Amino acid sequence: MTQSARSAVSAVALAVASSFVLVGCATSVPTSTTTILAADEILTADLASDVTARGVVLAAVLLVAGDVEAALDKGVVTAAEVNTAQVAVDEGTLDVWRQRAEMDSK
């Protein structure tokens, strides 16, 4: 197995493990109402007040290589952004969220 393949497998394994941790602490994290968007709606839809494209991308990074709970506690990301990031990772739409974050920052 090549180094890049090992890295990809490690990243996926860490993301899956992180999702189990999030499920375990979901009762202690306030949730909000947000609609998960289809890939073709991400770039143009109005986002819920507790979701930003930048936050979704950051939450995805935290899911793979960070401390999501600490980020939630400090208000760096919202629970809705973490949930949306997990769906984006699962559905392969994270790159579209990155594009939206770039558009929103202009």
PDB file of N, CA and C in Angstrom:
ATOM      1  N   MET A   1       0.847  -1.169   0.000  1.00  0.00           N
ATOM      2  CA  MET A   1       0.000   0.000   0.000  1.00  0.00           C
ATOM      3  C   MET A   1       0.897   1.237   0.000  1.00  0.00           C
ATOM      4  N   THR A   2       0.588   2.189  -0.878  1.00  0.00           N
ATOM      5  CA  THR A   2       1.390   3.402  -0.970  1.00  0.00           C
ATOM      6  C   THR A   2       1.138   4.312   0.221  1.00  0.00           C
ATOM      7  N   GLN A   3       2.022   5.271   0.405  1.00  0.00           N
ATOM      8  CA  GLN A   3       1.890   6.216   1.522  1.00  0.00           C
ATOM      9  C   GLN A   3       0.603   7.021   1.399  1.00  0.00           C
ATOM     10  N   SER A   4       0.251   7.458   0.197  1.00  0.00           N
ATOM     11  CA  SER A   4      -0.973   8.250   0.029  1.00  0.00           C
ATOM     12  C   SER A   4      -2.209   7.403   0.304  1.00  0.00           C
ATOM     13  N   ALA A   5      -2.178   6.142  -0.066  1.00  0.00           N
ATOM     14  CA  ALA A   5      -3.310   5.259   0.224  1.00  0.00           C
ATOM     15  C   ALA A   5      -3.440   5.031   1.718  1.00  0.00           C
ATOM     16  N   ARG A   6      -2.298   4.850   2.411  1.00  0.00           N
ATOM     17  CA  ARG A   6      -2.332   4.687   3.874  1.00  0.00           C
ATOM     18  C   ARG A   6      -2.872   5.937   4.537  1.00  0.00           C
ATOM     19  N   SER A   7      -2.474   7.096   4.043  1.00  0.00           N
ATOM     20  CA  SER A   7      -2.956   8.359   4.595  1.00  0.00           C
ATOM     21  C   SER A   7      -4.459   8.497   4.404  1.00  0.00           C
ATOM     22  N   ALA A   8      -4.929   8.123   3.222  1.00  0.00           N
ATOM     23  CA  ALA A   8      -6.366   8.210   2.943  1.00  0.00           C
ATOM     24  C   ALA A   8      -7.152   7.268   3.842  1.00  0.00           C
ATOM     25  N   VAL A   9      -6.666   6.061   4.012  1.00  0.00           N
ATOM     26  CA  VAL A   9      -7.335   5.088   4.878  1.00  0.00           C
ATOM     27  C   VAL A   9      -7.337   5.590   6.319  1.00  0.00           C
ATOM     28  N   SER A  10      -6.225   6.152   6.763  1.00  0.00           N
ATOM     29  CA  SER A  10      -6.137   6.691   8.120  1.00  0.00           C
ATOM     30  C   SER A  10      -7.115   7.834   8.317  1.00  0.00           C
ATOM     31  N   ALA A  11      -7.208   8.709   7.337  1.00  0.00           N
ATOM     32  CA  ALA A  11      -8.127   9.848   7.436  1.00  0.00           C
ATOM     33  C   ALA A  11      -9.573   9.380   7.511  1.00  0.00           C
ATOM     34  N   VAL A  12      -9.940   8.420   6.696  1.00  0.00           N
ATOM     35  CA  VAL A  12     -11.299   7.894   6.718  1.00  0.00           C
ATOM     36  C   VAL A  12     -11.581   7.197   8.046  1.00  0.00           C
ATOM     37  N   ALA A  13     -10.633   6.411   8.521  1.00  0.00           N
ATOM     38  CA  ALA A  13     -10.820   5.723   9.802  1.00  0.00           C
ATOM     39  C   ALA A  13     -10.988   6.714  10.933  1.00  0.00           C
ATOM     40  N   LEU A  14     -10.199   7.779  10.921  1.00  0.00           N
ATOM     41  CA  LEU A  14     -10.306   8.795  11.965  1.00  0.00           C
ATOM     42  C   LEU A  14     -11.642   9.521  11.883  1.00  0.00           C
ATOM     43  N   ALA A  15     -12.101   9.800  10.673  1.00  0.00           N
ATOM     44  CA  ALA A  15     -13.396  10.469  10.509  1.00  0.00           C
ATOM     45  C   ALA A  15     -14.529   9.586  11.009  1.00  0.00           C
ATOM     46  N   VAL A  16     -14.465   8.294  10.706  1.00  0.00           N
ATOM     47  CA  VAL A  16     -15.498   7.365  11.175  1.00  0.00           C
ATOM     48  C   VAL A  16     -15.464   7.265  12.697  1.00  0.00           C
ATOM     49  N   ALA A  17     -14.284   7.149  13.262  1.00  0.00           N
ATOM     50  CA  ALA A  17     -14.165   7.075  14.720  1.00  0.00           C
ATOM     51  C   ALA A  17     -14.679   8.349  15.369  1.00  0.00           C
ATOM     52  N   SER A  18     -14.389   9.484  14.767  1.00  0.00           N
ATOM     53  CA  SER A  18     -14.858  10.754  15.306  1.00  0.00           C
ATOM     54  C   SER A  18     -16.374  10.841  15.282  1.00  0.00           C
ATOM     55  N   SER A  19     -16.990  10.271  14.246  1.00  0.00           N
ATOM     56  CA  SER A  19     -18.451  10.332  14.176  1.00  0.00           C
ATOM     57  C   SER A  19     -19.075   9.540  15.311  1.00  0.00           C
ATOM     58  N   PHE A  20     -18.434   8.439  15.723  1.00  0.00           N
ATOM     59  CA  PHE A  20     -18.949   7.695  16.868  1.00  0.00           C
ATOM     60  C   PHE A  20     -18.810   8.493  18.150  1.00  0.00           C
ATOM     61  N   VAL A  21     -17.729   9.236  18.286  1.00  0.00           N
ATOM     62  CA  VAL A  21     -17.543  10.090  19.461  1.00  0.00           C
ATOM     63  C   VAL A  21     -18.606  11.173  19.489  1.00  0.00           C
ATOM     64  N   LEU A  22     -18.882  11.772  18.343  1.00  0.00           N
ATOM     65  CA  LEU A  22     -19.907  12.808  18.286  1.00  0.00           C
ATOM     66  C   LEU A  22     -21.278  12.267  18.643  1.00  0.00           C
ATOM     67  N   VAL A  23     -21.588  11.069  18.184  1.00  0.00           N
ATOM     68  CA  VAL A  23     -22.872  10.473  18.519  1.00  0.00           C
ATOM     69  C   VAL A  23     -22.969  10.261  20.018  1.00  0.00           C
ATOM     70  N   GLY A  24     -21.885   9.845  20.629  1.00  0.00           N
ATOM     71  CA  GLY A  24     -21.882   9.598  22.062  1.00  0.00           C
ATOM     72  C   GLY A  24     -22.090  10.845  22.897  1.00  0.00           C
ATOM     73  N   CYS A  25     -21.663  12.006  22.408  1.00  0.00           N
ATOM     74  CA  CYS A  25     -21.803  13.227  23.197  1.00  0.00           C
ATOM     75  C   CYS A  25     -22.882  14.140  22.648  1.00  0.00           C
ATOM     76  N   ALA A  26     -23.685  13.654  21.727  1.00  0.00           N
ATOM     77  CA  ALA A  26     -24.691  14.495  21.098  1.00  0.00           C
ATOM     78  C   ALA A  26     -25.711  15.036  22.089  1.00  0.00           C
ATOM     79  N   THR A  27     -25.990  14.303  23.163  1.00  0.00           N
ATOM     80  CA  THR A  27     -26.978  14.792  24.113  1.00  0.00           C
ATOM     81  C   THR A  27     -26.465  15.993  24.896  1.00  0.00           C
ATOM     82  N   SER A  28     -25.154  16.186  24.984  1.00  0.00           N
ATOM     83  CA  SER A  28     -24.610  17.317  25.720  1.00  0.00           C
ATOM     84  C   SER A  28     -24.356  18.528  24.828  1.00  0.00           C
ATOM     85  N   VAL A  29     -24.500  18.373  23.521  1.00  0.00           N
ATOM     86  CA  VAL A  29     -24.261  19.465  22.588  1.00  0.00           C
ATOM     87  C   VAL A  29     -25.597  19.989  22.114  1.00  0.00           C
ATOM     88  N   PRO A  30     -25.819  21.296  22.245  1.00  0.00           N
ATOM     89  CA  PRO A  30     -27.100  21.826  21.768  1.00  0.00           C
ATOM     90  C   PRO A  30     -27.216  21.651  20.264  1.00  0.00           C
ATOM     91  N   THR A  31     -28.365  21.257  19.840  1.00  0.00           N
ATOM     92  CA  THR A  31     -28.591  21.088  18.403  1.00  0.00           C
ATOM     93  C   THR A  31     -29.460  22.227  17.910  1.00  0.00           C
ATOM     94  N   SER A  32     -29.469  22.412  16.633  1.00  0.00           N
ATOM     95  CA  SER A  32     -30.327  23.437  16.067  1.00  0.00           C
ATOM     96  C   SER A  32     -30.972  22.873  14.822  1.00  0.00           C
ATOM     97  N   THR A  33     -31.960  23.558  14.365  1.00  0.00           N
ATOM     98  CA  THR A  33     -32.634  23.083  13.170  1.00  0.00           C
ATOM     99  C   THR A  33     -31.884  23.602  11.959  1.00  0.00           C
ATOM    100  N   THR A  34     -31.459  22.694  11.151  1.00  0.00           N
ATOM    101  CA  THR A  34     -30.789  23.045   9.901  1.00  0.00           C
ATOM    102  C   THR A  34     -31.113  21.972   8.877  1.00  0.00           C
ATOM    103  N   THR A  35     -31.266  22.374   7.679  1.00  0.00           N
ATOM    104  CA  THR A  35     -31.546  21.438   6.604  1.00  0.00           C
ATOM    105  C   THR A  35     -30.238  21.083   5.920  1.00  0.00           C
ATOM    106  N   ILE A  36     -30.008  19.792   5.725  1.00  0.00           N
ATOM    107  CA  ILE A  36     -28.832  19.360   4.989  1.00  0.00           C
ATOM    108  C   ILE A  36     -29.107  19.598   3.511  1.00  0.00           C
ATOM    109  N   LEU A  37     -28.206  20.302   2.873  1.00  0.00           N
ATOM    110  CA  LEU A  37     -28.409  20.711   1.488  1.00  0.00           C
ATOM    111  C   LEU A  37     -27.864  19.681   0.517  1.00  0.00           C
ATOM    112  N   ALA A  38     -28.521  19.584  -0.604  1.00  0.00           N
ATOM    113  CA  ALA A  38     -28.020  18.751  -1.696  1.00  0.00           C
ATOM    114  C   ALA A  38     -26.829  19.467  -2.323  1.00  0.00           C
ATOM    115  N   ALA A  39     -25.970  18.718  -2.970  1.00  0.00           N
ATOM    116  CA  ALA A  39     -24.742  19.280  -3.543  1.00  0.00           C
ATOM    117  C   ALA A  39     -25.025  20.455  -4.469  1.00  0.00           C
ATOM    118  N   ASP A  40     -26.093  20.378  -5.253  1.00  0.00           N
ATOM    119  CA  ASP A  40     -26.374  21.450  -6.200  1.00  0.00           C
ATOM    120  C   ASP A  40     -26.974  22.684  -5.538  1.00  0.00           C
ATOM    121  N   GLU A  41     -27.329  22.614  -4.255  1.00  0.00           N
ATOM    122  CA  GLU A  41     -27.896  23.760  -3.546  1.00  0.00           C
ATOM    123  C   GLU A  41     -26.861  24.471  -2.670  1.00  0.00           C
ATOM    124  N   ILE A  42     -25.739  23.839  -2.391  1.00  0.00           N
ATOM    125  CA  ILE A  42     -24.771  24.366  -1.434  1.00  0.00           C
ATOM    126  C   ILE A  42     -24.267  25.746  -1.832  1.00  0.00           C
ATOM    127  N   LEU A  43     -23.995  25.961  -3.088  1.00  0.00           N
ATOM    128  CA  LEU A  43     -23.408  27.223  -3.524  1.00  0.00           C
ATOM    129  C   LEU A  43     -24.383  28.388  -3.501  1.00  0.00           C
ATOM    130  N   THR A  44     -25.679  28.121  -3.549  1.00  0.00           N
ATOM    131  CA  THR A  44     -26.639  29.215  -3.699  1.00  0.00           C
ATOM    132  C   THR A  44     -27.667  29.335  -2.583  1.00  0.00           C
ATOM    133  N   ALA A  45     -27.851  28.329  -1.795  1.00  0.00           N
ATOM    134  CA  ALA A  45     -28.912  28.335  -0.788  1.00  0.00           C
ATOM    135  C   ALA A  45     -28.605  29.290   0.359  1.00  0.00           C
ATOM    136  N   ASP A  46     -29.659  29.823   0.968  1.00  0.00           N
ATOM    137  CA  ASP A  46     -29.507  30.571   2.209  1.00  0.00           C
ATOM    138  C   ASP A  46     -29.211  29.562   3.304  1.00  0.00           C
ATOM    139  N   LEU A  47     -28.190  29.843   4.093  1.00  0.00           N
ATOM    140  CA  LEU A  47     -27.801  28.929   5.159  1.00  0.00           C
ATOM    141  C   LEU A  47     -28.518  29.292   6.446  1.00  0.00           C
ATOM    142  N   ALA A  48     -28.700  28.311   7.302  1.00  0.00           N
ATOM    143  CA  ALA A  48     -29.284  28.552   8.616  1.00  0.00           C
ATOM    144  C   ALA A  48     -28.392  29.528   9.368  1.00  0.00           C
ATOM    145  N   SER A  49     -28.939  30.197  10.352  1.00  0.00           N
ATOM    146  CA  SER A  49     -28.187  31.219  11.071  1.00  0.00           C
ATOM    147  C   SER A  49     -26.987  30.657  11.833  1.00  0.00           C
ATOM    148  N   ASP A  50     -27.009  29.368  12.121  1.00  0.00           N
ATOM    149  CA  ASP A  50     -25.900  28.763  12.865  1.00  0.00           C
ATOM    150  C   ASP A  50     -24.970  27.938  11.986  1.00  0.00           C
ATOM    151  N   VAL A  51     -25.011  28.176  10.679  1.00  0.00           N
ATOM    152  CA  VAL A  51     -24.146  27.458   9.732  1.00  0.00           C
ATOM    153  C   VAL A  51     -23.488  28.458   8.795  1.00  0.00           C
ATOM    154  N   THR A  52     -22.167  28.355   8.693  1.00  0.00           N
ATOM    155  CA  THR A  52     -21.418  29.088   7.673  1.00  0.00           C
ATOM    156  C   THR A  52     -20.609  28.060   6.887  1.00  0.00           C
ATOM    157  N   ALA A  53     -20.341  28.370   5.650  1.00  0.00           N
ATOM    158  CA  ALA A  53     -19.536  27.452   4.839  1.00  0.00           C
ATOM    159  C   ALA A  53     -18.141  27.300   5.438  1.00  0.00           C
ATOM    160  N   ARG A  54     -17.572  28.393   5.915  1.00  0.00           N
ATOM    161  CA  ARG A  54     -16.254  28.344   6.558  1.00  0.00           C
ATOM    162  C   ARG A  54     -16.294  27.430   7.770  1.00  0.00           C
ATOM    163  N   GLY A  55     -17.375  27.523   8.559  1.00  0.00           N
ATOM    164  CA  GLY A  55     -17.514  26.673   9.741  1.00  0.00           C
ATOM    165  C   GLY A  55     -17.648  25.206   9.389  1.00  0.00           C
ATOM    166  N   VAL A  56     -18.328  24.911   8.295  1.00  0.00           N
ATOM    167  CA  VAL A  56     -18.480  23.528   7.861  1.00  0.00           C
ATOM    168  C   VAL A  56     -17.126  22.947   7.460  1.00  0.00           C
ATOM    169  N   VAL A  57     -16.347  23.719   6.706  1.00  0.00           N
ATOM    170  CA  VAL A  57     -15.022  23.253   6.286  1.00  0.00           C
ATOM    171  C   VAL A  57     -14.120  23.074   7.511  1.00  0.00           C
ATOM    172  N   LEU A  58     -14.144  24.028   8.430  1.00  0.00           N
ATOM    173  CA  LEU A  58     -13.337  23.912   9.644  1.00  0.00           C
ATOM    174  C   LEU A  58     -13.769  22.706  10.470  1.00  0.00           C
ATOM    175  N   ALA A  59     -15.062  22.491  10.595  1.00  0.00           N
ATOM    176  CA  ALA A  59     -15.567  21.338  11.348  1.00  0.00           C
ATOM    177  C   ALA A  59     -15.100  20.025  10.719  1.00  0.00           C
ATOM    178  N   ALA A  60     -15.054  19.976   9.386  1.00  0.00           N
ATOM    179  CA  ALA A  60     -14.571  18.762   8.710  1.00  0.00           C
ATOM    180  C   ALA A  60     -13.109  18.500   9.054  1.00  0.00           C
ATOM    181  N   VAL A  61     -12.311  19.545   9.099  1.00  0.00           N
ATOM    182  CA  VAL A  61     -10.904  19.384   9.480  1.00  0.00           C
ATOM    183  C   VAL A  61     -10.827  18.889  10.921  1.00  0.00           C
ATOM    184  N   LEU A  62     -11.637  19.464  11.795  1.00  0.00           N
ATOM    185  CA  LEU A  62     -11.637  19.048  13.198  1.00  0.00           C
ATOM    186  C   LEU A  62     -12.089  17.600  13.360  1.00  0.00           C
ATOM    187  N   LEU A  63     -13.029  17.159  12.536  1.00  0.00           N
ATOM    188  CA  LEU A  63     -13.481  15.773  12.602  1.00  0.00           C
ATOM    189  C   LEU A  63     -12.340  14.812  12.325  1.00  0.00           C
ATOM    190  N   VAL A  64     -11.456  15.208  11.415  1.00  0.00           N
ATOM    191  CA  VAL A  64     -10.364  14.330  11.017  1.00  0.00           C
ATOM    192  C   VAL A  64      -9.155  14.479  11.938  1.00  0.00           C
ATOM    193  N   ALA A  65      -8.838  15.689  12.321  1.00  0.00           N
ATOM    194  CA  ALA A  65      -7.557  15.886  12.997  1.00  0.00           C
ATOM    195  C   ALA A  65      -7.603  16.845  14.177  1.00  0.00           C
ATOM    196  N   GLY A  66      -8.744  16.998  14.795  1.00  0.00           N
ATOM    197  CA  GLY A  66      -8.818  17.964  15.883  1.00  0.00           C
ATOM    198  C   GLY A  66      -9.693  17.511  17.019  1.00  0.00           C
ATOM    199  N   ASP A  67      -9.947  18.430  17.900  1.00  0.00           N
ATOM    200  CA  ASP A  67     -10.781  18.185  19.070  1.00  0.00           C
ATOM    201  C   ASP A  67     -12.112  18.896  18.866  1.00  0.00           C
ATOM    202  N   VAL A  68     -13.082  18.187  18.324  1.00  0.00           N
ATOM    203  CA  VAL A  68     -14.376  18.763  18.000  1.00  0.00           C
ATOM    204  C   VAL A  68     -15.064  19.279  19.257  1.00  0.00           C
ATOM    205  N   GLU A  69     -15.012  18.510  20.315  1.00  0.00           N
ATOM    206  CA  GLU A  69     -15.686  18.909  21.553  1.00  0.00           C
ATOM    207  C   GLU A  69     -15.130  20.229  22.089  1.00  0.00           C
ATOM    208  N   ALA A  70     -13.826  20.386  22.075  1.00  0.00           N
ATOM    209  CA  ALA A  70     -13.216  21.637  22.534  1.00  0.00           C
ATOM    210  C   ALA A  70     -13.623  22.797  21.631  1.00  0.00           C
ATOM    211  N   ALA A  71     -13.659  22.554  20.328  1.00  0.00           N
ATOM    212  CA  ALA A  71     -14.061  23.597  19.388  1.00  0.00           C
ATOM    213  C   ALA A  71     -15.515  23.999  19.619  1.00  0.00           C
ATOM    214  N   LEU A  72     -16.363  23.029  19.911  1.00  0.00           N
ATOM    215  CA  LEU A  72     -17.760  23.333  20.224  1.00  0.00           C
ATOM    216  C   LEU A  72     -17.858  24.135  21.513  1.00  0.00           C
ATOM    217  N   ASP A  73     -17.131  23.710  22.529  1.00  0.00           N
ATOM    218  CA  ASP A  73     -17.152  24.397  23.821  1.00  0.00           C
ATOM    219  C   ASP A  73     -16.691  25.848  23.700  1.00  0.00           C
ATOM    220  N   LYS A  74     -15.712  26.101  22.839  1.00  0.00           N
ATOM    221  CA  LYS A  74     -15.170  27.454  22.668  1.00  0.00           C
ATOM    222  C   LYS A  74     -15.954  28.278  21.647  1.00  0.00           C
ATOM    223  N   GLY A  75     -16.932  27.671  20.993  1.00  0.00           N
ATOM    224  CA  GLY A  75     -17.728  28.389  20.007  1.00  0.00           C
ATOM    225  C   GLY A  75     -17.031  28.600  18.681  1.00  0.00           C
ATOM    226  N   VAL A  76     -15.999  27.806  18.408  1.00  0.00           N
ATOM    227  CA  VAL A  76     -15.275  27.918  17.145  1.00  0.00           C
ATOM    228  C   VAL A  76     -16.155  27.431  16.000  1.00  0.00           C
ATOM    229  N   VAL A  77     -16.874  26.356  16.231  1.00  0.00           N
ATOM    230  CA  VAL A  77     -17.850  25.822  15.276  1.00  0.00           C
ATOM    231  C   VAL A  77     -19.136  25.523  16.043  1.00  0.00           C
ATOM    232  N   THR A  78     -20.213  25.412  15.308  1.00  0.00           N
ATOM    233  CA  THR A  78     -21.498  25.068  15.926  1.00  0.00           C
ATOM    234  C   THR A  78     -21.788  23.588  15.727  1.00  0.00           C
ATOM    235  N   ALA A  79     -22.707  23.079  16.514  1.00  0.00           N
ATOM    236  CA  ALA A  79     -23.118  21.680  16.362  1.00  0.00           C
ATOM    237  C   ALA A  79     -23.698  21.443  14.973  1.00  0.00           C
ATOM    238  N   ALA A  80     -24.416  22.416  14.464  1.00  0.00           N
ATOM    239  CA  ALA A  80     -24.984  22.285  13.119  1.00  0.00           C
ATOM    240  C   ALA A  80     -23.889  22.209  12.062  1.00  0.00           C
ATOM    241  N   GLU A  81     -22.811  22.971  12.249  1.00  0.00           N
ATOM    242  CA  GLU A  81     -21.693  22.906  11.303  1.00  0.00           C
ATOM    243  C   GLU A  81     -20.995  21.559  11.363  1.00  0.00           C
ATOM    244  N   VAL A  82     -20.862  21.010  12.554  1.00  0.00           N
ATOM    245  CA  VAL A  82     -20.249  19.682  12.694  1.00  0.00           C
ATOM    246  C   VAL A  82     -21.124  18.633  12.014  1.00  0.00           C
ATOM    247  N   ASN A  83     -22.418  18.692  12.244  1.00  0.00           N
ATOM    248  CA  ASN A  83     -23.335  17.732  11.610  1.00  0.00           C
ATOM    249  C   ASN A  83     -23.288  17.865  10.089  1.00  0.00           C
ATOM    250  N   THR A  84     -23.291  19.097   9.614  1.00  0.00           N
ATOM    251  CA  THR A  84     -23.237  19.338   8.171  1.00  0.00           C
ATOM    252  C   THR A  84     -21.915  18.862   7.590  1.00  0.00           C
ATOM    253  N   ALA A  85     -20.827  19.081   8.321  1.00  0.00           N
ATOM    254  CA  ALA A  85     -19.511  18.617   7.861  1.00  0.00           C
ATOM    255  C   ALA A  85     -19.474  17.102   7.754  1.00  0.00           C
ATOM    256  N   GLN A  86     -20.066  16.418   8.734  1.00  0.00           N
ATOM    257  CA  GLN A  86     -20.074  14.953   8.685  1.00  0.00           C
ATOM    258  C   GLN A  86     -20.836  14.459   7.464  1.00  0.00           C
ATOM    259  N   VAL A  87     -21.962  15.093   7.165  1.00  0.00           N
ATOM    260  CA  VAL A  87     -22.730  14.718   5.977  1.00  0.00           C
ATOM    261  C   VAL A  87     -21.921  15.030   4.721  1.00  0.00           C
ATOM    262  N   ALA A  88     -21.237  16.165   4.708  1.00  0.00           N
ATOM    263  CA  ALA A  88     -20.424  16.539   3.542  1.00  0.00           C
ATOM    264  C   ALA A  88     -19.308  15.534   3.294  1.00  0.00           C
ATOM    265  N   VAL A  89     -18.685  15.079   4.367  1.00  0.00           N
ATOM    266  CA  VAL A  89     -17.632  14.062   4.231  1.00  0.00           C
ATOM    267  C   VAL A  89     -18.245  12.766   3.713  1.00  0.00           C
ATOM    268  N   ASP A  90     -19.359  12.364   4.299  1.00  0.00           N
ATOM    269  CA  ASP A  90     -20.013  11.113   3.899  1.00  0.00           C
ATOM    270  C   ASP A  90     -20.488  11.142   2.450  1.00  0.00           C
ATOM    271  N   GLU A  91     -20.989  12.305   2.013  1.00  0.00           N
ATOM    272  CA  GLU A  91     -21.564  12.410   0.670  1.00  0.00           C
ATOM    273  C   GLU A  91     -20.574  12.923  -0.373  1.00  0.00           C
ATOM    274  N   GLY A  92     -19.374  13.279   0.060  1.00  0.00           N
ATOM    275  CA  GLY A  92     -18.373  13.756  -0.892  1.00  0.00           C
ATOM    276  C   GLY A  92     -18.616  15.165  -1.399  1.00  0.00           C
ATOM    277  N   THR A  93     -19.280  16.010  -0.600  1.00  0.00           N
ATOM    278  CA  THR A  93     -19.576  17.375  -1.042  1.00  0.00           C
ATOM    279  C   THR A  93     -18.725  18.427  -0.330  1.00  0.00           C
ATOM    280  N   LEU A  94     -17.699  18.008   0.374  1.00  0.00           N
ATOM    281  CA  LEU A  94     -16.885  18.954   1.124  1.00  0.00           C
ATOM    282  C   LEU A  94     -16.216  19.976   0.211  1.00  0.00           C
ATOM    283  N   ASP A  95     -15.801  19.575  -0.973  1.00  0.00           N
ATOM    284  CA  ASP A  95     -15.176  20.514  -1.900  1.00  0.00           C
ATOM    285  C   ASP A  95     -16.158  21.614  -2.314  1.00  0.00           C
ATOM    286  N   VAL A  96     -17.432  21.286  -2.422  1.00  0.00           N
ATOM    287  CA  VAL A  96     -18.441  22.297  -2.763  1.00  0.00           C
ATOM    288  C   VAL A  96     -18.576  23.288  -1.599  1.00  0.00           C
ATOM    289  N   TRP A  97     -18.514  22.780  -0.361  1.00  0.00           N
ATOM    290  CA  TRP A  97     -18.551  23.668   0.810  1.00  0.00           C
ATOM    291  C   TRP A  97     -17.331  24.581   0.817  1.00  0.00           C
ATOM    292  N   ARG A  98     -16.174  24.057   0.408  1.00  0.00           N
ATOM    293  CA  ARG A  98     -14.970  24.882   0.320  1.00  0.00           C
ATOM    294  C   ARG A  98     -15.162  25.992  -0.702  1.00  0.00           C
ATOM    295  N   GLN A  99     -15.764  25.653  -1.843  1.00  0.00           N
ATOM    296  CA  GLN A  99     -16.050  26.658  -2.861  1.00  0.00           C
ATOM    297  C   GLN A  99     -16.985  27.725  -2.322  1.00  0.00           C
ATOM    298  N   ARG A 100     -17.997  27.307  -1.571  1.00  0.00           N
ATOM    299  CA  ARG A 100     -18.952  28.268  -0.984  1.00  0.00           C
ATOM    300  C   ARG A 100     -18.227  29.162   0.015  1.00  0.00           C
ATOM    301  N   ALA A 101     -17.344  28.598   0.812  1.00  0.00           N
ATOM    302  CA  ALA A 101     -16.599  29.401   1.784  1.00  0.00           C
ATOM    303  C   ALA A 101     -15.754  30.454   1.084  1.00  0.00           C
ATOM    304  N   GLU A 102     -15.125  30.085  -0.028  1.00  0.00           N
ATOM    305  CA  GLU A 102     -14.333  31.039  -0.803  1.00  0.00           C
ATOM    306  C   GLU A 102     -15.227  32.139  -1.378  1.00  0.00           C
ATOM    307  N   MET A 103     -16.387  31.772  -1.880  1.00  0.00           N
ATOM    308  CA  MET A 103     -17.317  32.753  -2.432  1.00  0.00           C
ATOM    309  C   MET A 103     -17.802  33.707  -1.329  1.00  0.00           C
ATOM    310  N   ASP A 104     -18.108  33.163  -0.176  1.00  0.00           N
ATOM    311  CA  ASP A 104     -18.639  33.981   0.923  1.00  0.00           C
ATOM    312  C   ASP A 104     -17.608  34.945   1.478  1.00  0.00           C
ATOM    313  N   SER A 105     -16.318  34.613   1.349  1.00  0.00           N
ATOM    314  CA  SER A 105     -15.281  35.467   1.913  1.00  0.00           C
ATOM    315  C   SER A 105     -14.920  36.633   1.008  1.00  0.00           C
ATOM    316  N   LYS A 106     -15.450  36.653  -0.194  1.00  0.00           N
ATOM    317  CA  LYS A 106     -15.136  37.741  -1.144  1.00  0.00           C
ATOM    318  C   LYS A 106     -16.036  38.929  -0.913  1.00  0.00           C
TER     319      LYS A 106
END
